[in-house]
């Protein structure tokens, strides 16, 4: 088990004017890898990002691609599939081990649409995992945070990965909280399929900038100080031999060094 961070969080810290120094700061704390969002490719290519992280002593842990292989049709679907395959090929060349596909889909407006979306997710995710087979790149799905999407509830996420056996699961405790699913129950359900995890903690915030489903406004709290049972969750993961990353994630508030430092120290306390 190791601790990683979203690269964008480090890059947007106002306390640092030198991105490379900021990455070195978190590497010196003990964070070994960073995950990169597709939106960041406007600043650096995948190869440039890998070089930047390697210079700081970090690995490129995973790439998050936003795509629509679920509701797109015809030419649009083919373009989306080609994009994802291109990312997988490039990640294989660079030795980046994981890609998380975040489907850019609308909320379902009827039960029929909901279950049709779920079937398309099975088909889309499994097809990309089959394409990646033998490449050293694991295709991953993350539970989302909106009840009207077919990839948010425990039952539906289990259905998807049960029927897409080559797909790895990304456990996002904060997202399960947003749809009123018990995080510890979710962990037990997905324990044997978890290859990556997104860790954040929530606090209620009347004037927060992020609203998840029908939940009250939330913003990220310092890890271990918020609403989630992270002590119990991460201890179970460690004791069960989880060997993937604990990715430090922040939502709904400005990035600041104190928040990231304290959260990093909390996560690192489980791996030292």
C-alpha atoms as a PDB file:
ATOM      1  CA  UNK A   1       0.000   0.000   0.000  1.00  0.00           C
ATOM      2  CA  UNK A   2       1.311   3.442  -0.897  1.00  0.00           C
ATOM      3  CA  UNK A   3       0.132   7.055  -0.993  1.00  0.00           C
ATOM      4  CA  UNK A   4      -0.303   9.049  -4.200  1.00  0.00           C
ATOM      5  CA  UNK A   5      -1.800  12.426  -5.080  1.00  0.00           C
ATOM      6  CA  UNK A   6      -3.543  14.104  -7.989  1.00  0.00           C
ATOM      7  CA  UNK A   7      -0.928  16.053  -9.917  1.00  0.00           C
ATOM      8  CA  UNK A   8      -3.359  18.934 -10.426  1.00  0.00           C
ATOM      9  CA  UNK A   9      -3.643  19.442  -6.663  1.00  0.00           C
ATOM     10  CA  UNK A  10       0.100  19.920  -6.353  1.00  0.00           C
ATOM     11  CA  UNK A  11       0.319  22.166  -9.403  1.00  0.00           C
ATOM     12  CA  UNK A  12      -2.420  24.514  -8.185  1.00  0.00           C
ATOM     13  CA  UNK A  13      -0.964  25.225  -4.744  1.00  0.00           C
ATOM     14  CA  UNK A  14      -0.540  28.985  -4.489  1.00  0.00           C
ATOM     15  CA  UNK A  15       2.240  28.598  -1.900  1.00  0.00           C
ATOM     16  CA  UNK A  16       4.577  27.183  -4.535  1.00  0.00           C
ATOM     17  CA  UNK A  17       5.793  29.092  -7.593  1.00  0.00           C
ATOM     18  CA  UNK A  18       7.856  26.165  -8.845  1.00  0.00           C
ATOM     19  CA  UNK A  19       5.822  23.060  -9.715  1.00  0.00           C
ATOM     20  CA  UNK A  20       8.855  20.812  -9.617  1.00  0.00           C
ATOM     21  CA  UNK A  21       9.699  21.956  -6.079  1.00  0.00           C
ATOM     22  CA  UNK A  22       6.124  21.269  -4.985  1.00  0.00           C
ATOM     23  CA  UNK A  23       6.284  17.719  -6.363  1.00  0.00           C
ATOM     24  CA  UNK A  24       9.637  17.179  -4.625  1.00  0.00           C
ATOM     25  CA  UNK A  25       8.093  18.428  -1.361  1.00  0.00           C
ATOM     26  CA  UNK A  26       5.422  15.705  -1.439  1.00  0.00           C
ATOM     27  CA  UNK A  27       7.897  13.068  -2.592  1.00  0.00           C
ATOM     28  CA  UNK A  28      10.079  13.957   0.390  1.00  0.00           C
ATOM     29  CA  UNK A  29       7.052  13.482   2.640  1.00  0.00           C
ATOM     30  CA  UNK A  30       6.662   9.948   1.296  1.00  0.00           C
ATOM     31  CA  UNK A  31       4.133  10.266  -1.562  1.00  0.00           C
ATOM     32  CA  UNK A  32       5.463   8.048  -4.322  1.00  0.00           C
ATOM     33  CA  UNK A  33       3.187   8.708  -7.310  1.00  0.00           C
ATOM     34  CA  UNK A  34       0.790  11.143  -8.926  1.00  0.00           C
ATOM     35  CA  UNK A  35      -2.292  10.578 -11.076  1.00  0.00           C
ATOM     36  CA  UNK A  36      -2.911  12.797 -14.082  1.00  0.00           C
ATOM     37  CA  UNK A  37      -6.227  14.059 -15.471  1.00  0.00           C
ATOM     38  CA  UNK A  38      -6.859  14.185 -19.207  1.00  0.00           C
ATOM     39  CA  UNK A  39      -7.747  17.889 -18.875  1.00  0.00           C
ATOM     40  CA  UNK A  40      -4.125  18.567 -17.916  1.00  0.00           C
ATOM     41  CA  UNK A  41      -2.845  17.469 -21.317  1.00  0.00           C
ATOM     42  CA  UNK A  42      -3.338  21.051 -22.512  1.00  0.00           C
ATOM     43  CA  UNK A  43      -0.237  21.856 -20.433  1.00  0.00           C
ATOM     44  CA  UNK A  44       1.917  18.760 -20.871  1.00  0.00           C
ATOM     45  CA  UNK A  45       1.871  15.639 -22.996  1.00  0.00           C
ATOM     46  CA  UNK A  46       1.764  12.259 -21.264  1.00  0.00           C
ATOM     47  CA  UNK A  47       5.467  11.824 -21.951  1.00  0.00           C
ATOM     48  CA  UNK A  48       6.288  15.290 -20.575  1.00  0.00           C
ATOM     49  CA  UNK A  49       4.224  14.565 -17.477  1.00  0.00           C
ATOM     50  CA  UNK A  50       6.055  11.315 -16.884  1.00  0.00           C
ATOM     51  CA  UNK A  51       9.398  13.122 -17.161  1.00  0.00           C
ATOM     52  CA  UNK A  52       8.236  15.858 -14.756  1.00  0.00           C
ATOM     53  CA  UNK A  53       7.142  13.340 -12.145  1.00  0.00           C
ATOM     54  CA  UNK A  54      10.240  11.204 -12.563  1.00  0.00           C
ATOM     55  CA  UNK A  55      12.476  14.256 -12.040  1.00  0.00           C
ATOM     56  CA  UNK A  56      10.781  14.723  -8.667  1.00  0.00           C
ATOM     57  CA  UNK A  57      11.331  11.055  -7.820  1.00  0.00           C
ATOM     58  CA  UNK A  58       7.652  10.149  -8.350  1.00  0.00           C
ATOM     59  CA  UNK A  59       5.999   7.571 -10.560  1.00  0.00           C
ATOM     60  CA  UNK A  60       3.148   8.284 -12.955  1.00  0.00           C
ATOM     61  CA  UNK A  61       0.539   6.219 -11.115  1.00  0.00           C
ATOM     62  CA  UNK A  62      -2.598   6.374 -13.259  1.00  0.00           C
ATOM     63  CA  UNK A  63      -4.247   8.394 -16.002  1.00  0.00           C
ATOM     64  CA  UNK A  64      -7.884   9.518 -15.807  1.00  0.00           C
ATOM     65  CA  UNK A  65      -9.580   9.805 -19.198  1.00  0.00           C
ATOM     66  CA  UNK A  66     -13.011  11.379 -19.610  1.00  0.00           C
ATOM     67  CA  UNK A  67     -14.806   9.704 -22.474  1.00  0.00           C
ATOM     68  CA  UNK A  68     -18.205   8.604 -23.694  1.00  0.00           C
ATOM     69  CA  UNK A  69     -18.125   4.969 -24.678  1.00  0.00           C
ATOM     70  CA  UNK A  70     -21.534   4.562 -23.066  1.00  0.00           C
ATOM     71  CA  UNK A  71     -24.132   6.749 -24.756  1.00  0.00           C
ATOM     72  CA  UNK A  72     -22.280   7.713 -27.936  1.00  0.00           C
ATOM     73  CA  UNK A  73     -23.431   6.121 -31.178  1.00  0.00           C
ATOM     74  CA  UNK A  74     -22.035   5.573 -34.654  1.00  0.00           C
ATOM     75  CA  UNK A  75     -19.100   7.770 -35.631  1.00  0.00           C
ATOM     76  CA  UNK A  76     -18.981   9.429 -32.198  1.00  0.00           C
ATOM     77  CA  UNK A  77     -18.662   6.042 -30.518  1.00  0.00           C
ATOM     78  CA  UNK A  78     -15.888   4.983 -32.856  1.00  0.00           C
ATOM     79  CA  UNK A  79     -14.026   8.236 -32.203  1.00  0.00           C
ATOM     80  CA  UNK A  80     -14.319   7.712 -28.450  1.00  0.00           C
ATOM     81  CA  UNK A  81     -13.107   4.126 -28.672  1.00  0.00           C
ATOM     82  CA  UNK A  82     -10.182   5.198 -30.848  1.00  0.00           C
ATOM     83  CA  UNK A  83      -9.226   7.896 -28.321  1.00  0.00           C
ATOM     84  CA  UNK A  84      -9.194   5.437 -25.432  1.00  0.00           C
ATOM     85  CA  UNK A  85      -7.216   2.879 -27.403  1.00  0.00           C
ATOM     86  CA  UNK A  86      -4.710   5.594 -28.277  1.00  0.00           C
ATOM     87  CA  UNK A  87      -4.301   6.443 -24.603  1.00  0.00           C
ATOM     88  CA  UNK A  88      -3.786   2.771 -23.724  1.00  0.00           C
ATOM     89  CA  UNK A  89      -1.133   2.416 -26.432  1.00  0.00           C
ATOM     90  CA  UNK A  90       0.708   5.511 -25.188  1.00  0.00           C
ATOM     91  CA  UNK A  91       0.510   4.445 -21.549  1.00  0.00           C
ATOM     92  CA  UNK A  92       1.898   1.035 -22.489  1.00  0.00           C
ATOM     93  CA  UNK A  93       4.821   2.705 -24.259  1.00  0.00           C
ATOM     94  CA  UNK A  94       5.516   4.889 -21.218  1.00  0.00           C
ATOM     95  CA  UNK A  95       5.086   2.112 -18.676  1.00  0.00           C
ATOM     96  CA  UNK A  96       2.119   3.756 -16.905  1.00  0.00           C
ATOM     97  CA  UNK A  97       0.177   0.900 -15.275  1.00  0.00           C
ATOM     98  CA  UNK A  98      -3.413   2.154 -14.957  1.00  0.00           C
ATOM     99  CA  UNK A  99      -6.100   4.087 -16.816  1.00  0.00           C
ATOM    100  CA  UNK A 100      -9.398   5.052 -15.200  1.00  0.00           C
ATOM    101  CA  UNK A 101     -12.240   5.718 -17.626  1.00  0.00           C
ATOM    102  CA  UNK A 102     -14.671   8.338 -16.335  1.00  0.00           C
ATOM    103  CA  UNK A 103     -17.715   8.136 -18.600  1.00  0.00           C
ATOM    104  CA  UNK A 104     -19.118  11.515 -19.570  1.00  0.00           C
ATOM    105  CA  UNK A 105     -22.794  10.556 -19.528  1.00  0.00           C
ATOM    106  CA  UNK A 106     -26.033  12.270 -18.611  1.00  0.00           C
ATOM    107  CA  UNK A 107     -28.259  11.108 -15.780  1.00  0.00           C
ATOM    108  CA  UNK A 108     -30.822   8.462 -16.657  1.00  0.00           C
ATOM    109  CA  UNK A 109     -34.382   9.765 -16.960  1.00  0.00           C
ATOM    110  CA  UNK A 110     -36.177   6.432 -16.666  1.00  0.00           C
ATOM    111  CA  UNK A 111     -35.549   2.932 -15.290  1.00  0.00           C
ATOM    112  CA  UNK A 112     -35.248   1.645 -18.844  1.00  0.00           C
ATOM    113  CA  UNK A 113     -32.562   4.183 -19.679  1.00  0.00           C
ATOM    114  CA  UNK A 114     -30.794   3.474 -16.382  1.00  0.00           C
ATOM    115  CA  UNK A 115     -30.465  -0.263 -16.978  1.00  0.00           C
ATOM    116  CA  UNK A 116     -29.601   0.213 -20.630  1.00  0.00           C
ATOM    117  CA  UNK A 117     -26.785   2.508 -19.505  1.00  0.00           C
ATOM    118  CA  UNK A 118     -25.568  -0.160 -17.105  1.00  0.00           C
ATOM    119  CA  UNK A 119     -25.408  -2.742 -19.887  1.00  0.00           C
ATOM    120  CA  UNK A 120     -23.500  -0.332 -22.113  1.00  0.00           C
ATOM    121  CA  UNK A 121     -21.038   0.245 -19.285  1.00  0.00           C
ATOM    122  CA  UNK A 122     -20.397  -3.482 -19.035  1.00  0.00           C
ATOM    123  CA  UNK A 123     -19.839  -3.702 -22.773  1.00  0.00           C
ATOM    124  CA  UNK A 124     -17.715  -0.549 -23.039  1.00  0.00           C
ATOM    125  CA  UNK A 125     -15.464  -1.181 -20.061  1.00  0.00           C
ATOM    126  CA  UNK A 126     -14.898  -4.836 -20.869  1.00  0.00           C
ATOM    127  CA  UNK A 127     -14.083  -4.090 -24.515  1.00  0.00           C
ATOM    128  CA  UNK A 128     -11.399  -1.595 -23.472  1.00  0.00           C
ATOM    129  CA  UNK A 129     -10.015  -4.010 -20.867  1.00  0.00           C
ATOM    130  CA  UNK A 130      -9.789  -6.708 -23.537  1.00  0.00           C
ATOM    131  CA  UNK A 131      -7.967  -4.269 -25.814  1.00  0.00           C
ATOM    132  CA  UNK A 132      -5.496  -3.543 -23.006  1.00  0.00           C
ATOM    133  CA  UNK A 133      -4.922  -7.214 -22.205  1.00  0.00           C
ATOM    134  CA  UNK A 134      -1.221  -8.019 -22.300  1.00  0.00           C
ATOM    135  CA  UNK A 135      -0.217  -4.333 -22.390  1.00  0.00           C
ATOM    136  CA  UNK A 136       0.536  -3.982 -18.692  1.00  0.00           C
ATOM    137  CA  UNK A 137      -2.186  -1.307 -18.456  1.00  0.00           C
ATOM    138  CA  UNK A 138      -5.189  -1.997 -16.206  1.00  0.00           C
ATOM    139  CA  UNK A 139      -8.507  -0.432 -17.227  1.00  0.00           C
ATOM    140  CA  UNK A 140     -10.436   0.760 -14.176  1.00  0.00           C
ATOM    141  CA  UNK A 141     -13.936   1.904 -13.217  1.00  0.00           C
ATOM    142  CA  UNK A 142     -14.714   4.213 -10.282  1.00  0.00           C
ATOM    143  CA  UNK A 143     -18.000   4.422  -8.404  1.00  0.00           C
ATOM    144  CA  UNK A 144     -19.599   7.803  -9.096  1.00  0.00           C
ATOM    145  CA  UNK A 145     -21.659  10.085  -6.846  1.00  0.00           C
ATOM    146  CA  UNK A 146     -25.060  10.527  -8.515  1.00  0.00           C
ATOM    147  CA  UNK A 147     -27.934   8.142  -7.883  1.00  0.00           C
ATOM    148  CA  UNK A 148     -29.333   8.645 -11.395  1.00  0.00           C
ATOM    149  CA  UNK A 149     -26.191   7.139 -12.915  1.00  0.00           C
ATOM    150  CA  UNK A 150     -25.770   3.388 -13.232  1.00  0.00           C
ATOM    151  CA  UNK A 151     -22.226   3.420 -11.833  1.00  0.00           C
ATOM    152  CA  UNK A 152     -22.849   4.913  -8.379  1.00  0.00           C
ATOM    153  CA  UNK A 153     -24.644   2.415  -6.126  1.00  0.00           C
ATOM    154  CA  UNK A 154     -23.049  -0.712  -4.685  1.00  0.00           C
ATOM    155  CA  UNK A 155     -25.482  -3.042  -6.445  1.00  0.00           C
ATOM    156  CA  UNK A 156     -24.873  -1.514  -9.865  1.00  0.00           C
ATOM    157  CA  UNK A 157     -21.101  -1.248  -9.570  1.00  0.00           C
ATOM    158  CA  UNK A 158     -20.996  -4.897  -8.515  1.00  0.00           C
ATOM    159  CA  UNK A 159     -23.119  -5.851 -11.516  1.00  0.00           C
ATOM    160  CA  UNK A 160     -20.754  -4.014 -13.845  1.00  0.00           C
ATOM    161  CA  UNK A 161     -17.518  -5.525 -12.562  1.00  0.00           C
ATOM    162  CA  UNK A 162     -19.054  -8.990 -12.180  1.00  0.00           C
ATOM    163  CA  UNK A 163     -19.892  -8.871 -15.882  1.00  0.00           C
ATOM    164  CA  UNK A 164     -16.669  -7.110 -16.916  1.00  0.00           C
ATOM    165  CA  UNK A 165     -14.152  -9.459 -15.306  1.00  0.00           C
ATOM    166  CA  UNK A 166     -11.033  -7.811 -16.739  1.00  0.00           C
ATOM    167  CA  UNK A 167     -11.844  -4.394 -15.260  1.00  0.00           C
ATOM    168  CA  UNK A 168     -10.253  -3.177 -12.019  1.00  0.00           C
ATOM    169  CA  UNK A 169     -12.290  -1.307  -9.420  1.00  0.00           C
ATOM    170  CA  UNK A 170     -11.421   2.106  -7.979  1.00  0.00           C
ATOM    171  CA  UNK A 171     -12.980   2.479  -4.535  1.00  0.00           C
ATOM    172  CA  UNK A 172     -14.030   6.077  -3.849  1.00  0.00           C
ATOM    173  CA  UNK A 173     -15.268   6.214  -0.264  1.00  0.00           C
ATOM    174  CA  UNK A 174     -16.388   9.829  -0.571  1.00  0.00           C
ATOM    175  CA  UNK A 175     -18.530   9.102  -3.607  1.00  0.00           C
ATOM    176  CA  UNK A 176     -20.336   6.244  -1.854  1.00  0.00           C
ATOM    177  CA  UNK A 177     -21.089   8.622   1.028  1.00  0.00           C
ATOM    178  CA  UNK A 178     -22.687  11.026  -1.456  1.00  0.00           C
ATOM    179  CA  UNK A 179     -25.258   8.433  -2.509  1.00  0.00           C
ATOM    180  CA  UNK A 180     -25.863   7.278   1.080  1.00  0.00           C
ATOM    181  CA  UNK A 181     -24.142   3.952   0.677  1.00  0.00           C
ATOM    182  CA  UNK A 182     -22.141   2.569   3.595  1.00  0.00           C
ATOM    183  CA  UNK A 183     -18.464   2.785   2.752  1.00  0.00           C
ATOM    184  CA  UNK A 184     -17.412  -0.135   4.948  1.00  0.00           C
ATOM    185  CA  UNK A 185     -20.059  -2.352   3.364  1.00  0.00           C
ATOM    186  CA  UNK A 186     -18.852  -1.249  -0.072  1.00  0.00           C
ATOM    187  CA  UNK A 187     -15.298  -2.175   0.827  1.00  0.00           C
ATOM    188  CA  UNK A 188     -16.300  -5.692   1.837  1.00  0.00           C
ATOM    189  CA  UNK A 189     -18.254  -6.137  -1.418  1.00  0.00           C
ATOM    190  CA  UNK A 190     -15.424  -4.960  -3.681  1.00  0.00           C
ATOM    191  CA  UNK A 191     -12.405  -5.965  -1.597  1.00  0.00           C
ATOM    192  CA  UNK A 192     -11.076  -8.572  -4.017  1.00  0.00           C
ATOM    193  CA  UNK A 193     -11.425  -6.303  -7.076  1.00  0.00           C
ATOM    194  CA  UNK A 194      -9.971  -3.033  -5.742  1.00  0.00           C
ATOM    195  CA  UNK A 195      -6.805  -2.021  -7.576  1.00  0.00           C
ATOM    196  CA  UNK A 196      -6.822   1.705  -6.775  1.00  0.00           C
ATOM    197  CA  UNK A 197      -8.580   3.929  -4.248  1.00  0.00           C
ATOM    198  CA  UNK A 198      -9.547   7.597  -4.048  1.00  0.00           C
ATOM    199  CA  UNK A 199      -9.479   8.892  -0.492  1.00  0.00           C
ATOM    200  CA  UNK A 200     -11.164  12.093   0.575  1.00  0.00           C
ATOM    201  CA  UNK A 201     -12.997  13.175   3.692  1.00  0.00           C
ATOM    202  CA  UNK A 202     -16.091  15.393   3.788  1.00  0.00           C
ATOM    203  CA  UNK A 203     -17.381  18.117   6.042  1.00  0.00           C
ATOM    204  CA  UNK A 204     -20.691  19.933   5.715  1.00  0.00           C
ATOM    205  CA  UNK A 205     -20.323  23.441   4.395  1.00  0.00           C
ATOM    206  CA  UNK A 206     -23.341  25.731   4.102  1.00  0.00           C
ATOM    207  CA  UNK A 207     -21.622  27.820   1.457  1.00  0.00           C
ATOM    208  CA  UNK A 208     -19.752  24.976  -0.236  1.00  0.00           C
ATOM    209  CA  UNK A 209     -19.138  24.965  -3.947  1.00  0.00           C
ATOM    210  CA  UNK A 210     -19.854  21.301  -4.529  1.00  0.00           C
ATOM    211  CA  UNK A 211     -23.215  19.574  -4.208  1.00  0.00           C
ATOM    212  CA  UNK A 212     -23.384  15.829  -4.696  1.00  0.00           C
ATOM    213  CA  UNK A 213     -26.746  14.363  -5.735  1.00  0.00           C
ATOM    214  CA  UNK A 214     -29.331  15.300  -3.097  1.00  0.00           C
ATOM    215  CA  UNK A 215     -26.788  15.498  -0.282  1.00  0.00           C
ATOM    216  CA  UNK A 216     -26.138  18.806   1.531  1.00  0.00           C
ATOM    217  CA  UNK A 217     -23.248  20.935   0.251  1.00  0.00           C
ATOM    218  CA  UNK A 218     -19.939  19.281   1.072  1.00  0.00           C
ATOM    219  CA  UNK A 219     -16.295  20.178   0.889  1.00  0.00           C
ATOM    220  CA  UNK A 220     -13.159  18.221   1.568  1.00  0.00           C
ATOM    221  CA  UNK A 221     -11.995  18.074   5.158  1.00  0.00           C
ATOM    222  CA  UNK A 222      -8.521  17.235   6.393  1.00  0.00           C
ATOM    223  CA  UNK A 223      -8.255  13.448   6.184  1.00  0.00           C
ATOM    224  CA  UNK A 224      -9.401  11.748   9.355  1.00  0.00           C
ATOM    225  CA  UNK A 225     -11.224  14.850  10.647  1.00  0.00           C
ATOM    226  CA  UNK A 226     -14.425  14.601   8.632  1.00  0.00           C
ATOM    227  CA  UNK A 227     -17.553  12.502   8.209  1.00  0.00           C
ATOM    228  CA  UNK A 228     -16.077   9.284   6.816  1.00  0.00           C
ATOM    229  CA  UNK A 229     -14.842   6.273   8.861  1.00  0.00           C
ATOM    230  CA  UNK A 230     -11.405   6.465   7.264  1.00  0.00           C
ATOM    231  CA  UNK A 231      -9.515   5.062  10.266  1.00  0.00           C
ATOM    232  CA  UNK A 232     -11.524   1.855  10.090  1.00  0.00           C
ATOM    233  CA  UNK A 233     -11.544   1.660   6.287  1.00  0.00           C
ATOM    234  CA  UNK A 234      -7.820   2.162   5.713  1.00  0.00           C
ATOM    235  CA  UNK A 235      -6.865  -0.088   8.618  1.00  0.00           C
ATOM    236  CA  UNK A 236      -8.970  -2.872   7.091  1.00  0.00           C
ATOM    237  CA  UNK A 237      -7.412  -2.303   3.691  1.00  0.00           C
ATOM    238  CA  UNK A 238      -3.911  -2.455   5.139  1.00  0.00           C
ATOM    239  CA  UNK A 239      -4.635  -5.512   7.284  1.00  0.00           C
ATOM    240  CA  UNK A 240      -6.212  -7.314   4.303  1.00  0.00           C
ATOM    241  CA  UNK A 241      -3.046  -6.798   2.278  1.00  0.00           C
ATOM    242  CA  UNK A 242      -4.265  -4.125  -0.142  1.00  0.00           C
ATOM    243  CA  UNK A 243      -1.253  -3.300  -2.319  1.00  0.00           C
ATOM    244  CA  UNK A 244      -2.566  -0.408  -4.406  1.00  0.00           C
ATOM    245  CA  UNK A 245      -2.560   3.350  -3.904  1.00  0.00           C
ATOM    246  CA  UNK A 246      -4.386   5.582  -1.473  1.00  0.00           C
ATOM    247  CA  UNK A 247      -4.907   8.614  -3.702  1.00  0.00           C
ATOM    248  CA  UNK A 248      -5.246  11.899  -1.838  1.00  0.00           C
ATOM    249  CA  UNK A 249      -8.167  13.785  -3.404  1.00  0.00           C
ATOM    250  CA  UNK A 250      -9.598  17.238  -2.660  1.00  0.00           C
ATOM    251  CA  UNK A 251     -12.977  18.571  -3.824  1.00  0.00           C
ATOM    252  CA  UNK A 252     -15.089  21.633  -3.182  1.00  0.00           C
ATOM    253  CA  UNK A 253     -12.478  24.000  -1.778  1.00  0.00           C
ATOM    254  CA  UNK A 254      -9.322  25.784  -2.892  1.00  0.00           C
ATOM    255  CA  UNK A 255      -6.141  23.784  -2.853  1.00  0.00           C
ATOM    256  CA  UNK A 256      -3.902  24.805   0.028  1.00  0.00           C
ATOM    257  CA  UNK A 257      -0.646  23.432   1.338  1.00  0.00           C
ATOM    258  CA  UNK A 258      -1.885  22.977   4.913  1.00  0.00           C
ATOM    259  CA  UNK A 259      -4.846  20.823   3.800  1.00  0.00           C
ATOM    260  CA  UNK A 260      -2.678  18.666   1.533  1.00  0.00           C
ATOM    261  CA  UNK A 261       0.170  18.375   4.036  1.00  0.00           C
ATOM    262  CA  UNK A 262      -2.069  17.326   6.925  1.00  0.00           C
ATOM    263  CA  UNK A 263      -4.013  14.903   4.732  1.00  0.00           C
ATOM    264  CA  UNK A 264      -0.776  13.454   3.363  1.00  0.00           C
ATOM    265  CA  UNK A 265       0.578  12.923   6.865  1.00  0.00           C
ATOM    266  CA  UNK A 266      -2.649  11.174   7.846  1.00  0.00           C
ATOM    267  CA  UNK A 267      -2.527   8.762   4.897  1.00  0.00           C
ATOM    268  CA  UNK A 268       1.204   8.158   5.260  1.00  0.00           C
ATOM    269  CA  UNK A 269       0.685   7.153   8.898  1.00  0.00           C
ATOM    270  CA  UNK A 270      -0.903   3.927   7.638  1.00  0.00           C
ATOM    271  CA  UNK A 271       2.039   2.904   5.483  1.00  0.00           C
ATOM    272  CA  UNK A 272       4.988   3.741   7.733  1.00  0.00           C
END
